[in-house]
Amino acid sequence: MAFLGGLVGKLIGLAVLLVVLVLGIGIWAYASDYAVEATVTKKDCAAAKPVVFVKTKMFGIEDSTEVSGHECGIIQVGNFVRYHLRTQRTIVYQAEGGTCVYDSATGLC
């Protein structure tokens, strides 16, 4: 019976360790402004303030970035994106490993 108590304690300890590990990784990723991969999911170039929508592959974060009408015309749905978690900096590329199209910090590349 003592074996069962020890096993339960070890499982609880393991669960707590995993939660602490996941939280630690999340805090590190946010603090370091880690860039995750994302995709342009849609855009609205006809709006008063044109906007591009992105969704990250990891975490499923959905965000939008206001752009100029000219920039909106260049950015395409399906473009590859590097999305920075803390600053929300959005860098759009034609494709993964491709040419930079737009950077929310500097405008067109």
PDB file of N, CA and C in Angstrom:
ATOM      1  N   MET A   1       0.817  -1.188   0.000  1.00  0.00           N
ATOM      2  CA  MET A   1       0.000   0.000   0.000  1.00  0.00           C
ATOM      3  C   MET A   1       0.868   1.262   0.000  1.00  0.00           C
ATOM      4  N   ALA A   2       2.021   1.213   0.677  1.00  0.00           N
ATOM      5  CA  ALA A   2       2.932   2.354   0.701  1.00  0.00           C
ATOM      6  C   ALA A   2       3.446   2.649  -0.705  1.00  0.00           C
ATOM      7  N   PHE A   3       3.553   1.592  -1.527  1.00  0.00           N
ATOM      8  CA  PHE A   3       3.993   1.762  -2.912  1.00  0.00           C
ATOM      9  C   PHE A   3       3.040   2.683  -3.661  1.00  0.00           C
ATOM     10  N   LEU A   4       1.724   2.492  -3.453  1.00  0.00           N
ATOM     11  CA  LEU A   4       0.736   3.329  -4.128  1.00  0.00           C
ATOM     12  C   LEU A   4       0.854   4.779  -3.693  1.00  0.00           C
ATOM     13  N   GLY A   5       1.044   5.038  -2.416  1.00  0.00           N
ATOM     14  CA  GLY A   5       1.200   6.398  -1.923  1.00  0.00           C
ATOM     15  C   GLY A   5       2.423   7.064  -2.518  1.00  0.00           C
ATOM     16  N   GLY A   6       3.509   6.326  -2.613  1.00  0.00           N
ATOM     17  CA  GLY A   6       4.734   6.860  -3.211  1.00  0.00           C
ATOM     18  C   GLY A   6       4.565   7.146  -4.687  1.00  0.00           C
ATOM     19  N   LEU A   7       3.831   6.282  -5.384  1.00  0.00           N
ATOM     20  CA  LEU A   7       3.584   6.456  -6.811  1.00  0.00           C
ATOM     21  C   LEU A   7       2.731   7.696  -7.059  1.00  0.00           C
ATOM     22  N   VAL A   8       1.690   7.879  -6.261  1.00  0.00           N
ATOM     23  CA  VAL A   8       0.819   9.042  -6.413  1.00  0.00           C
ATOM     24  C   VAL A   8       1.617  10.318  -6.162  1.00  0.00           C
ATOM     25  N   GLY A   9       2.454  10.301  -5.129  1.00  0.00           N
ATOM     26  CA  GLY A   9       3.294  11.461  -4.825  1.00  0.00           C
ATOM     27  C   GLY A   9       4.233  11.791  -5.969  1.00  0.00           C
ATOM     28  N   LYS A  10       4.818  10.762  -6.569  1.00  0.00           N
ATOM     29  CA  LYS A  10       5.727  10.978  -7.694  1.00  0.00           C
ATOM     30  C   LYS A  10       4.982  11.528  -8.902  1.00  0.00           C
ATOM     31  N   LEU A  11       3.767  11.030  -9.162  1.00  0.00           N
ATOM     32  CA  LEU A  11       2.971  11.521 -10.289  1.00  0.00           C
ATOM     33  C   LEU A  11       2.572  12.984 -10.087  1.00  0.00           C
ATOM     34  N   ILE A  12       2.201  13.339  -8.858  1.00  0.00           N
ATOM     35  CA  ILE A  12       1.856  14.725  -8.560  1.00  0.00           C
ATOM     36  C   ILE A  12       3.091  15.606  -8.726  1.00  0.00           C
ATOM     37  N   GLY A  13       4.225  15.146  -8.240  1.00  0.00           N
ATOM     38  CA  GLY A  13       5.471  15.887  -8.396  1.00  0.00           C
ATOM     39  C   GLY A  13       5.833  16.088  -9.850  1.00  0.00           C
ATOM     40  N   LEU A  14       5.650  15.048 -10.660  1.00  0.00           N
ATOM     41  CA  LEU A  14       5.928  15.141 -12.092  1.00  0.00           C
ATOM     42  C   LEU A  14       4.992  16.139 -12.764  1.00  0.00           C
ATOM     43  N   ALA A  15       3.713  16.109 -12.393  1.00  0.00           N
ATOM     44  CA  ALA A  15       2.738  17.040 -12.966  1.00  0.00           C
ATOM     45  C   ALA A  15       3.106  18.484 -12.613  1.00  0.00           C
ATOM     46  N   VAL A  16       3.487  18.719 -11.369  1.00  0.00           N
ATOM     47  CA  VAL A  16       3.887  20.067 -10.944  1.00  0.00           C
ATOM     48  C   VAL A  16       5.134  20.500 -11.708  1.00  0.00           C
ATOM     49  N   LEU A  17       6.081  19.613 -11.864  1.00  0.00           N
ATOM     50  CA  LEU A  17       7.302  19.922 -12.608  1.00  0.00           C
ATOM     51  C   LEU A  17       6.983  20.306 -14.051  1.00  0.00           C
ATOM     52  N   LEU A  18       6.085  19.571 -14.689  1.00  0.00           N
ATOM     53  CA  LEU A  18       5.707  19.873 -16.075  1.00  0.00           C
ATOM     54  C   LEU A  18       5.030  21.240 -16.178  1.00  0.00           C
ATOM     55  N   VAL A  19       4.158  21.570 -15.229  1.00  0.00           N
ATOM     56  CA  VAL A  19       3.488  22.873 -15.238  1.00  0.00           C
ATOM     57  C   VAL A  19       4.515  23.989 -15.073  1.00  0.00           C
ATOM     58  N   VAL A  20       5.432  23.824 -14.136  1.00  0.00           N
ATOM     59  CA  VAL A  20       6.478  24.828 -13.913  1.00  0.00           C
ATOM     60  C   VAL A  20       7.347  24.970 -15.164  1.00  0.00           C
ATOM     61  N   LEU A  21       7.672  23.881 -15.811  1.00  0.00           N
ATOM     62  CA  LEU A  21       8.488  23.904 -17.024  1.00  0.00           C
ATOM     63  C   LEU A  21       7.774  24.658 -18.147  1.00  0.00           C
ATOM     64  N   VAL A  22       6.506  24.358 -18.360  1.00  0.00           N
ATOM     65  CA  VAL A  22       5.737  25.021 -19.418  1.00  0.00           C
ATOM     66  C   VAL A  22       5.620  26.522 -19.125  1.00  0.00           C
ATOM     67  N   LEU A  23       5.331  26.866 -17.877  1.00  0.00           N
ATOM     68  CA  LEU A  23       5.252  28.281 -17.509  1.00  0.00           C
ATOM     69  C   LEU A  23       6.598  28.976 -17.699  1.00  0.00           C
ATOM     70  N   GLY A  24       7.667  28.305 -17.329  1.00  0.00           N
ATOM     71  CA  GLY A  24       9.006  28.877 -17.496  1.00  0.00           C
ATOM     72  C   GLY A  24       9.330  29.137 -18.951  1.00  0.00           C
ATOM     73  N   ILE A  25       8.996  28.197 -19.811  1.00  0.00           N
ATOM     74  CA  ILE A  25       9.244  28.375 -21.248  1.00  0.00           C
ATOM     75  C   ILE A  25       8.408  29.534 -21.785  1.00  0.00           C
ATOM     76  N   GLY A  26       7.160  29.625 -21.370  1.00  0.00           N
ATOM     77  CA  GLY A  26       6.293  30.718 -21.804  1.00  0.00           C
ATOM     78  C   GLY A  26       6.809  32.073 -21.360  1.00  0.00           C
ATOM     79  N   ILE A  27       7.244  32.161 -20.115  1.00  0.00           N
ATOM     80  CA  ILE A  27       7.794  33.424 -19.598  1.00  0.00           C
ATOM     81  C   ILE A  27       9.066  33.791 -20.353  1.00  0.00           C
ATOM     82  N   TRP A  28       9.939  32.809 -20.594  1.00  0.00           N
ATOM     83  CA  TRP A  28      11.164  33.072 -21.348  1.00  0.00           C
ATOM     84  C   TRP A  28      10.836  33.540 -22.768  1.00  0.00           C
ATOM     85  N   ALA A  29       9.899  32.870 -23.437  1.00  0.00           N
ATOM     86  CA  ALA A  29       9.556  33.227 -24.815  1.00  0.00           C
ATOM     87  C   ALA A  29       9.014  34.650 -24.891  1.00  0.00           C
ATOM     88  N   TYR A  30       8.184  35.021 -23.939  1.00  0.00           N
ATOM     89  CA  TYR A  30       7.626  36.375 -23.919  1.00  0.00           C
ATOM     90  C   TYR A  30       8.716  37.396 -23.600  1.00  0.00           C
ATOM     91  N   ALA A  31       9.506  37.141 -22.574  1.00  0.00           N
ATOM     92  CA  ALA A  31      10.540  38.078 -22.149  1.00  0.00           C
ATOM     93  C   ALA A  31      11.603  38.296 -23.224  1.00  0.00           C
ATOM     94  N   SER A  32      11.913  37.258 -23.982  1.00  0.00           N
ATOM     95  CA  SER A  32      12.938  37.375 -25.025  1.00  0.00           C
ATOM     96  C   SER A  32      12.358  37.846 -26.357  1.00  0.00           C
ATOM     97  N   ASP A  33      11.062  38.118 -26.390  1.00  0.00           N
ATOM     98  CA  ASP A  33      10.359  38.536 -27.613  1.00  0.00           C
ATOM     99  C   ASP A  33      10.573  37.514 -28.731  1.00  0.00           C
ATOM    100  N   TYR A  34      10.442  36.253 -28.371  1.00  0.00           N
ATOM    101  CA  TYR A  34      10.657  35.142 -29.285  1.00  0.00           C
ATOM    102  C   TYR A  34       9.752  35.267 -30.520  1.00  0.00           C
ATOM    103  N   ALA A  35      10.297  34.998 -31.689  1.00  0.00           N
ATOM    104  CA  ALA A  35       9.541  35.052 -32.943  1.00  0.00           C
ATOM    105  C   ALA A  35       9.007  33.664 -33.280  1.00  0.00           C
ATOM    106  N   VAL A  36       7.691  33.567 -33.424  1.00  0.00           N
ATOM    107  CA  VAL A  36       7.076  32.303 -33.817  1.00  0.00           C
ATOM    108  C   VAL A  36       6.600  32.410 -35.258  1.00  0.00           C
ATOM    109  N   GLU A  37       6.470  31.265 -35.910  1.00  0.00           N
ATOM    110  CA  GLU A  37       6.011  31.237 -37.293  1.00  0.00           C
ATOM    111  C   GLU A  37       4.506  31.471 -37.341  1.00  0.00           C
ATOM    112  N   ALA A  38       4.088  32.189 -38.371  1.00  0.00           N
ATOM    113  CA  ALA A  38       2.672  32.485 -38.543  1.00  0.00           C
ATOM    114  C   ALA A  38       2.375  32.578 -40.041  1.00  0.00           C
ATOM    115  N   THR A  39       1.102  32.797 -40.338  1.00  0.00           N
ATOM    116  CA  THR A  39       0.650  32.910 -41.714  1.00  0.00           C
ATOM    117  C   THR A  39      -0.344  34.064 -41.816  1.00  0.00           C
ATOM    118  N   VAL A  40      -0.308  34.787 -42.928  1.00  0.00           N
ATOM    119  CA  VAL A  40      -1.335  35.789 -43.185  1.00  0.00           C
ATOM    120  C   VAL A  40      -2.615  35.027 -43.513  1.00  0.00           C
ATOM    121  N   THR A  41      -3.655  35.224 -42.700  1.00  0.00           N
ATOM    122  CA  THR A  41      -4.902  34.477 -42.896  1.00  0.00           C
ATOM    123  C   THR A  41      -5.938  35.238 -43.705  1.00  0.00           C
ATOM    124  N   LYS A  42      -5.933  36.566 -43.584  1.00  0.00           N
ATOM    125  CA  LYS A  42      -6.847  37.386 -44.394  1.00  0.00           C
ATOM    126  C   LYS A  42      -6.376  38.826 -44.320  1.00  0.00           C
ATOM    127  N   LYS A  43      -6.964  39.651 -45.180  1.00  0.00           N
ATOM    128  CA  LYS A  43      -6.644  41.074 -45.177  1.00  0.00           C
ATOM    129  C   LYS A  43      -7.871  41.845 -45.623  1.00  0.00           C
ATOM    130  N   ASP A  44      -7.945  43.098 -45.191  1.00  0.00           N
ATOM    131  CA  ASP A  44      -9.060  43.964 -45.579  1.00  0.00           C
ATOM    132  C   ASP A  44      -8.466  45.274 -46.075  1.00  0.00           C
ATOM    133  N   CYS A  45      -8.272  45.343 -47.375  1.00  0.00           N
ATOM    134  CA  CYS A  45      -7.659  46.524 -47.974  1.00  0.00           C
ATOM    135  C   CYS A  45      -8.679  47.624 -48.240  1.00  0.00           C
ATOM    136  N   ALA A  46      -9.974  47.297 -48.187  1.00  0.00           N
ATOM    137  CA  ALA A  46     -11.022  48.268 -48.475  1.00  0.00           C
ATOM    138  C   ALA A  46     -11.440  49.050 -47.232  1.00  0.00           C
ATOM    139  N   ALA A  47     -10.980  48.648 -46.073  1.00  0.00           N
ATOM    140  CA  ALA A  47     -11.353  49.333 -44.836  1.00  0.00           C
ATOM    141  C   ALA A  47     -10.729  50.723 -44.792  1.00  0.00           C
ATOM    142  N   ALA A  48     -11.300  51.610 -43.969  1.00  0.00           N
ATOM    143  CA  ALA A  48     -10.758  52.960 -43.811  1.00  0.00           C
ATOM    144  C   ALA A  48      -9.294  52.891 -43.382  1.00  0.00           C
ATOM    145  N   LYS A  49      -8.983  51.939 -42.504  1.00  0.00           N
ATOM    146  CA  LYS A  49      -7.603  51.665 -42.110  1.00  0.00           C
ATOM    147  C   LYS A  49      -7.323  50.221 -42.507  1.00  0.00           C
ATOM    148  N   PRO A  50      -6.661  50.005 -43.667  1.00  0.00           N
ATOM    149  CA  PRO A  50      -6.393  48.637 -44.120  1.00  0.00           C
ATOM    150  C   PRO A  50      -5.704  47.814 -43.032  1.00  0.00           C
ATOM    151  N   VAL A  51      -6.069  46.541 -42.959  1.00  0.00           N
ATOM    152  CA  VAL A  51      -5.549  45.679 -41.904  1.00  0.00           C
ATOM    153  C   VAL A  51      -5.232  44.293 -42.459  1.00  0.00           C
ATOM    154  N   VAL A  52      -4.173  43.697 -41.911  1.00  0.00           N
ATOM    155  CA  VAL A  52      -3.750  42.346 -42.275  1.00  0.00           C
ATOM    156  C   VAL A  52      -3.861  41.479 -41.022  1.00  0.00           C
ATOM    157  N   PHE A  53      -4.420  40.298 -41.159  1.00  0.00           N
ATOM    158  CA  PHE A  53      -4.615  39.385 -40.040  1.00  0.00           C
ATOM    159  C   PHE A  53      -3.637  38.226 -40.140  1.00  0.00           C
ATOM    160  N   VAL A  54      -3.022  37.861 -39.023  1.00  0.00           N
ATOM    161  CA  VAL A  54      -2.094  36.733 -38.983  1.00  0.00           C
ATOM    162  C   VAL A  54      -2.501  35.775 -37.874  1.00  0.00           C
ATOM    163  N   LYS A  55      -2.100  34.519 -38.035  1.00  0.00           N
ATOM    164  CA  LYS A  55      -2.335  33.492 -37.016  1.00  0.00           C
ATOM    165  C   LYS A  55      -1.054  32.690 -36.860  1.00  0.00           C
ATOM    166  N   THR A  56      -0.600  32.563 -35.603  1.00  0.00           N
ATOM    167  CA  THR A  56       0.630  31.818 -35.348  1.00  0.00           C
ATOM    168  C   THR A  56       0.365  30.326 -35.419  1.00  0.00           C
ATOM    169  N   LYS A  57       1.379  29.589 -35.858  1.00  0.00           N
ATOM    170  CA  LYS A  57       1.267  28.130 -35.920  1.00  0.00           C
ATOM    171  C   LYS A  57       1.320  27.537 -34.524  1.00  0.00           C
ATOM    172  N   MET A  58       2.190  28.106 -33.664  1.00  0.00           N
ATOM    173  CA  MET A  58       2.298  27.674 -32.278  1.00  0.00           C
ATOM    174  C   MET A  58       1.425  28.611 -31.445  1.00  0.00           C
ATOM    175  N   PHE A  59       0.666  28.100 -30.561  1.00  0.00           N
ATOM    176  CA  PHE A  59      -0.208  28.850 -29.659  1.00  0.00           C
ATOM    177  C   PHE A  59      -1.499  29.325 -30.323  1.00  0.00           C
ATOM    178  N   GLY A  60      -1.590  29.374 -31.639  1.00  0.00           N
ATOM    179  CA  GLY A  60      -2.812  29.796 -32.310  1.00  0.00           C
ATOM    180  C   GLY A  60      -3.198  31.238 -32.049  1.00  0.00           C
ATOM    181  N   ILE A  61      -2.219  32.105 -31.827  1.00  0.00           N
ATOM    182  CA  ILE A  61      -2.496  33.522 -31.561  1.00  0.00           C
ATOM    183  C   ILE A  61      -2.951  34.183 -32.852  1.00  0.00           C
ATOM    184  N   GLU A  62      -4.058  34.902 -32.780  1.00  0.00           N
ATOM    185  CA  GLU A  62      -4.546  35.661 -33.924  1.00  0.00           C
ATOM    186  C   GLU A  62      -4.376  37.137 -33.614  1.00  0.00           C
ATOM    187  N   ASP A  63      -3.820  37.889 -34.564  1.00  0.00           N
ATOM    188  CA  ASP A  63      -3.587  39.311 -34.355  1.00  0.00           C
ATOM    189  C   ASP A  63      -3.773  40.026 -35.684  1.00  0.00           C
ATOM    190  N   SER A  64      -3.902  41.340 -35.601  1.00  0.00           N
ATOM    191  CA  SER A  64      -4.049  42.138 -36.809  1.00  0.00           C
ATOM    192  C   SER A  64      -3.055  43.291 -36.757  1.00  0.00           C
ATOM    193  N   THR A  65      -2.669  43.749 -37.932  1.00  0.00           N
ATOM    194  CA  THR A  65      -1.734  44.854 -38.063  1.00  0.00           C
ATOM    195  C   THR A  65      -2.285  45.838 -39.081  1.00  0.00           C
ATOM    196  N   GLU A  66      -2.367  47.108 -38.693  1.00  0.00           N
ATOM    197  CA  GLU A  66      -2.786  48.134 -39.641  1.00  0.00           C
ATOM    198  C   GLU A  66      -1.642  48.421 -40.600  1.00  0.00           C
ATOM    199  N   VAL A  67      -1.981  48.547 -41.872  1.00  0.00           N
ATOM    200  CA  VAL A  67      -0.994  48.818 -42.919  1.00  0.00           C
ATOM    201  C   VAL A  67      -1.543  49.900 -43.837  1.00  0.00           C
ATOM    202  N   SER A  68      -0.709  50.415 -44.701  1.00  0.00           N
ATOM    203  CA  SER A  68      -1.202  51.372 -45.701  1.00  0.00           C
ATOM    204  C   SER A  68      -1.909  50.593 -46.813  1.00  0.00           C
ATOM    205  N   GLY A  69      -2.667  51.300 -47.633  1.00  0.00           N
ATOM    206  CA  GLY A  69      -3.341  50.646 -48.755  1.00  0.00           C
ATOM    207  C   GLY A  69      -2.362  50.015 -49.711  1.00  0.00           C
ATOM    208  N   HIS A  70      -1.238  50.681 -49.951  1.00  0.00           N
ATOM    209  CA  HIS A  70      -0.199  50.144 -50.848  1.00  0.00           C
ATOM    210  C   HIS A  70       0.399  48.859 -50.276  1.00  0.00           C
ATOM    211  N   GLU A  71       0.730  48.884 -48.966  1.00  0.00           N
ATOM    212  CA  GLU A  71       1.293  47.699 -48.314  1.00  0.00           C
ATOM    213  C   GLU A  71       0.289  46.550 -48.335  1.00  0.00           C
ATOM    214  N   CYS A  72      -0.978  46.874 -48.110  1.00  0.00           N
ATOM    215  CA  CYS A  72      -2.021  45.842 -48.102  1.00  0.00           C
ATOM    216  C   CYS A  72      -2.107  45.152 -49.464  1.00  0.00           C
ATOM    217  N   GLY A  73      -1.914  45.924 -50.530  1.00  0.00           N
ATOM    218  CA  GLY A  73      -1.958  45.350 -51.875  1.00  0.00           C
ATOM    219  C   GLY A  73      -0.801  44.407 -52.154  1.00  0.00           C
ATOM    220  N   ILE A  74       0.329  44.639 -51.497  1.00  0.00           N
ATOM    221  CA  ILE A  74       1.519  43.804 -51.715  1.00  0.00           C
ATOM    222  C   ILE A  74       1.466  42.525 -50.883  1.00  0.00           C
ATOM    223  N   ILE A  75       0.984  42.632 -49.640  1.00  0.00           N
ATOM    224  CA  ILE A  75       0.891  41.461 -48.748  1.00  0.00           C
ATOM    225  C   ILE A  75      -0.223  40.549 -49.252  1.00  0.00           C
ATOM    226  N   GLN A  76       0.058  39.249 -49.284  1.00  0.00           N
ATOM    227  CA  GLN A  76      -0.918  38.285 -49.790  1.00  0.00           C
ATOM    228  C   GLN A  76      -1.310  37.272 -48.717  1.00  0.00           C
ATOM    229  N   VAL A  77      -2.560  36.828 -48.764  1.00  0.00           N
ATOM    230  CA  VAL A  77      -3.009  35.756 -47.877  1.00  0.00           C
ATOM    231  C   VAL A  77      -2.141  34.533 -48.159  1.00  0.00           C
ATOM    232  N   GLY A  78      -1.650  33.907 -47.103  1.00  0.00           N
ATOM    233  CA  GLY A  78      -0.775  32.748 -47.243  1.00  0.00           C
ATOM    234  C   GLY A  78       0.693  33.081 -47.077  1.00  0.00           C
ATOM    235  N   ASN A  79       1.053  34.382 -47.089  1.00  0.00           N
ATOM    236  CA  ASN A  79       2.453  34.758 -46.870  1.00  0.00           C
ATOM    237  C   ASN A  79       2.925  34.233 -45.515  1.00  0.00           C
ATOM    238  N   PHE A  80       4.220  33.905 -45.455  1.00  0.00           N
ATOM    239  CA  PHE A  80       4.854  33.432 -44.223  1.00  0.00           C
ATOM    240  C   PHE A  80       5.154  34.634 -43.334  1.00  0.00           C
ATOM    241  N   VAL A  81       4.998  34.465 -42.016  1.00  0.00           N
ATOM    242  CA  VAL A  81       5.194  35.570 -41.073  1.00  0.00           C
ATOM    243  C   VAL A  81       6.043  35.104 -39.902  1.00  0.00           C
ATOM    244  N   ARG A  82       6.880  35.999 -39.402  1.00  0.00           N
ATOM    245  CA  ARG A  82       7.552  35.824 -38.107  1.00  0.00           C
ATOM    246  C   ARG A  82       6.899  36.845 -37.180  1.00  0.00           C
ATOM    247  N   TYR A  83       6.235  36.329 -36.151  1.00  0.00           N
ATOM    248  CA  TYR A  83       5.473  37.169 -35.218  1.00  0.00           C
ATOM    249  C   TYR A  83       6.164  37.160 -33.862  1.00  0.00           C
ATOM    250  N   HIS A  84       6.561  38.332 -33.375  1.00  0.00           N
ATOM    251  CA  HIS A  84       7.255  38.443 -32.094  1.00  0.00           C
ATOM    252  C   HIS A  84       6.229  38.545 -30.968  1.00  0.00           C
ATOM    253  N   LEU A  85       6.364  37.668 -29.975  1.00  0.00           N
ATOM    254  CA  LEU A  85       5.345  37.517 -28.937  1.00  0.00           C
ATOM    255  C   LEU A  85       5.127  38.757 -28.071  1.00  0.00           C
ATOM    256  N   ARG A  86       6.181  39.398 -27.609  1.00  0.00           N
ATOM    257  CA  ARG A  86       6.013  40.517 -26.681  1.00  0.00           C
ATOM    258  C   ARG A  86       5.679  41.807 -27.429  1.00  0.00           C
ATOM    259  N   THR A  87       6.443  42.139 -28.446  1.00  0.00           N
ATOM    260  CA  THR A  87       6.265  43.414 -29.149  1.00  0.00           C
ATOM    261  C   THR A  87       5.194  43.345 -30.235  1.00  0.00           C
ATOM    262  N   GLN A  88       4.782  42.167 -30.613  1.00  0.00           N
ATOM    263  CA  GLN A  88       3.825  41.932 -31.687  1.00  0.00           C
ATOM    264  C   GLN A  88       4.351  42.417 -33.041  1.00  0.00           C
ATOM    265  N   ARG A  89       5.677  42.537 -33.140  1.00  0.00           N
ATOM    266  CA  ARG A  89       6.289  42.901 -34.419  1.00  0.00           C
ATOM    267  C   ARG A  89       5.968  41.805 -35.418  1.00  0.00           C
ATOM    268  N   THR A  90       5.535  42.216 -36.586  1.00  0.00           N
ATOM    269  CA  THR A  90       5.100  41.288 -37.622  1.00  0.00           C
ATOM    270  C   THR A  90       5.965  41.492 -38.859  1.00  0.00           C
ATOM    271  N   ILE A  91       6.687  40.438 -39.240  1.00  0.00           N
ATOM    272  CA  ILE A  91       7.532  40.508 -40.434  1.00  0.00           C
ATOM    273  C   ILE A  91       6.980  39.504 -41.441  1.00  0.00           C
ATOM    274  N   VAL A  92       6.558  40.010 -42.585  1.00  0.00           N
ATOM    275  CA  VAL A  92       5.914  39.184 -43.614  1.00  0.00           C
ATOM    276  C   VAL A  92       6.911  38.874 -44.724  1.00  0.00           C
ATOM    277  N   TYR A  93       6.961  37.608 -45.121  1.00  0.00           N
ATOM    278  CA  TYR A  93       7.830  37.145 -46.205  1.00  0.00           C
ATOM    279  C   TYR A  93       6.956  36.528 -47.299  1.00  0.00           C
ATOM    280  N   GLN A  94       7.461  36.513 -48.536  1.00  0.00           N
ATOM    281  CA  GLN A  94       6.720  35.886 -49.635  1.00  0.00           C
ATOM    282  C   GLN A  94       6.416  34.432 -49.304  1.00  0.00           C
ATOM    283  N   ALA A  95       7.404  33.745 -48.762  1.00  0.00           N
ATOM    284  CA  ALA A  95       7.284  32.338 -48.375  1.00  0.00           C
ATOM    285  C   ALA A  95       8.342  32.086 -47.309  1.00  0.00           C
ATOM    286  N   GLU A  96       8.285  30.948 -46.664  1.00  0.00           N
ATOM    287  CA  GLU A  96       9.284  30.615 -45.655  1.00  0.00           C
ATOM    288  C   GLU A  96      10.662  30.606 -46.319  1.00  0.00           C
ATOM    289  N   GLY A  97      11.588  31.367 -45.773  1.00  0.00           N
ATOM    290  CA  GLY A  97      12.923  31.481 -46.350  1.00  0.00           C
ATOM    291  C   GLY A  97      12.983  32.421 -47.543  1.00  0.00           C
ATOM    292  N   GLY A  98      11.853  33.053 -47.856  1.00  0.00           N
ATOM    293  CA  GLY A  98      11.786  33.931 -49.019  1.00  0.00           C
ATOM    294  C   GLY A  98      12.115  35.382 -48.698  1.00  0.00           C
ATOM    295  N   THR A  99      11.828  36.233 -49.637  1.00  0.00           N
ATOM    296  CA  THR A  99      12.118  37.653 -49.552  1.00  0.00           C
ATOM    297  C   THR A  99      11.151  38.343 -48.588  1.00  0.00           C
ATOM    298  N   CYS A 100      11.687  39.270 -47.798  1.00  0.00           N
ATOM    299  CA  CYS A 100      10.870  40.067 -46.889  1.00  0.00           C
ATOM    300  C   CYS A 100       9.966  40.976 -47.717  1.00  0.00           C
ATOM    301  N   VAL A 101       8.699  41.061 -47.324  1.00  0.00           N
ATOM    302  CA  VAL A 101       7.724  41.899 -48.003  1.00  0.00           C
ATOM    303  C   VAL A 101       7.376  43.111 -47.146  1.00  0.00           C
ATOM    304  N   TYR A 102       7.174  42.886 -45.845  1.00  0.00           N
ATOM    305  CA  TYR A 102       6.711  43.952 -44.951  1.00  0.00           C
ATOM    306  C   TYR A 102       7.206  43.705 -43.535  1.00  0.00           C
ATOM    307  N   ASP A 103       7.567  44.768 -42.851  1.00  0.00           N
ATOM    308  CA  ASP A 103       7.969  44.709 -41.451  1.00  0.00           C
ATOM    309  C   ASP A 103       7.179  45.783 -40.715  1.00  0.00           C
ATOM    310  N   SER A 104       6.430  45.397 -39.697  1.00  0.00           N
ATOM    311  CA  SER A 104       5.599  46.369 -38.997  1.00  0.00           C
ATOM    312  C   SER A 104       6.431  47.446 -38.299  1.00  0.00           C
ATOM    313  N   ALA A 105       7.714  47.211 -38.099  1.00  0.00           N
ATOM    314  CA  ALA A 105       8.584  48.216 -37.476  1.00  0.00           C
ATOM    315  C   ALA A 105       9.120  49.226 -38.481  1.00  0.00           C
ATOM    316  N   THR A 106       9.259  48.824 -39.743  1.00  0.00           N
ATOM    317  CA  THR A 106       9.895  49.707 -40.737  1.00  0.00           C
ATOM    318  C   THR A 106       9.071  49.924 -41.997  1.00  0.00           C
ATOM    319  N   GLY A 107       8.020  49.174 -42.199  1.00  0.00           N
ATOM    320  CA  GLY A 107       7.222  49.277 -43.427  1.00  0.00           C
ATOM    321  C   GLY A 107       7.696  48.263 -44.464  1.00  0.00           C
ATOM    322  N   LEU A 108       7.564  48.625 -45.724  1.00  0.00           N
ATOM    323  CA  LEU A 108       7.973  47.711 -46.799  1.00  0.00           C
ATOM    324  C   LEU A 108       9.466  47.443 -46.719  1.00  0.00           C
ATOM    325  N   CYS A 109       9.849  46.211 -47.024  1.00  0.00           N
ATOM    326  CA  CYS A 109      11.275  45.816 -46.964  1.00  0.00           C
ATOM    327  C   CYS A 109      12.006  46.256 -48.208  1.00  0.00           C
TER     328      CYS A 109
END
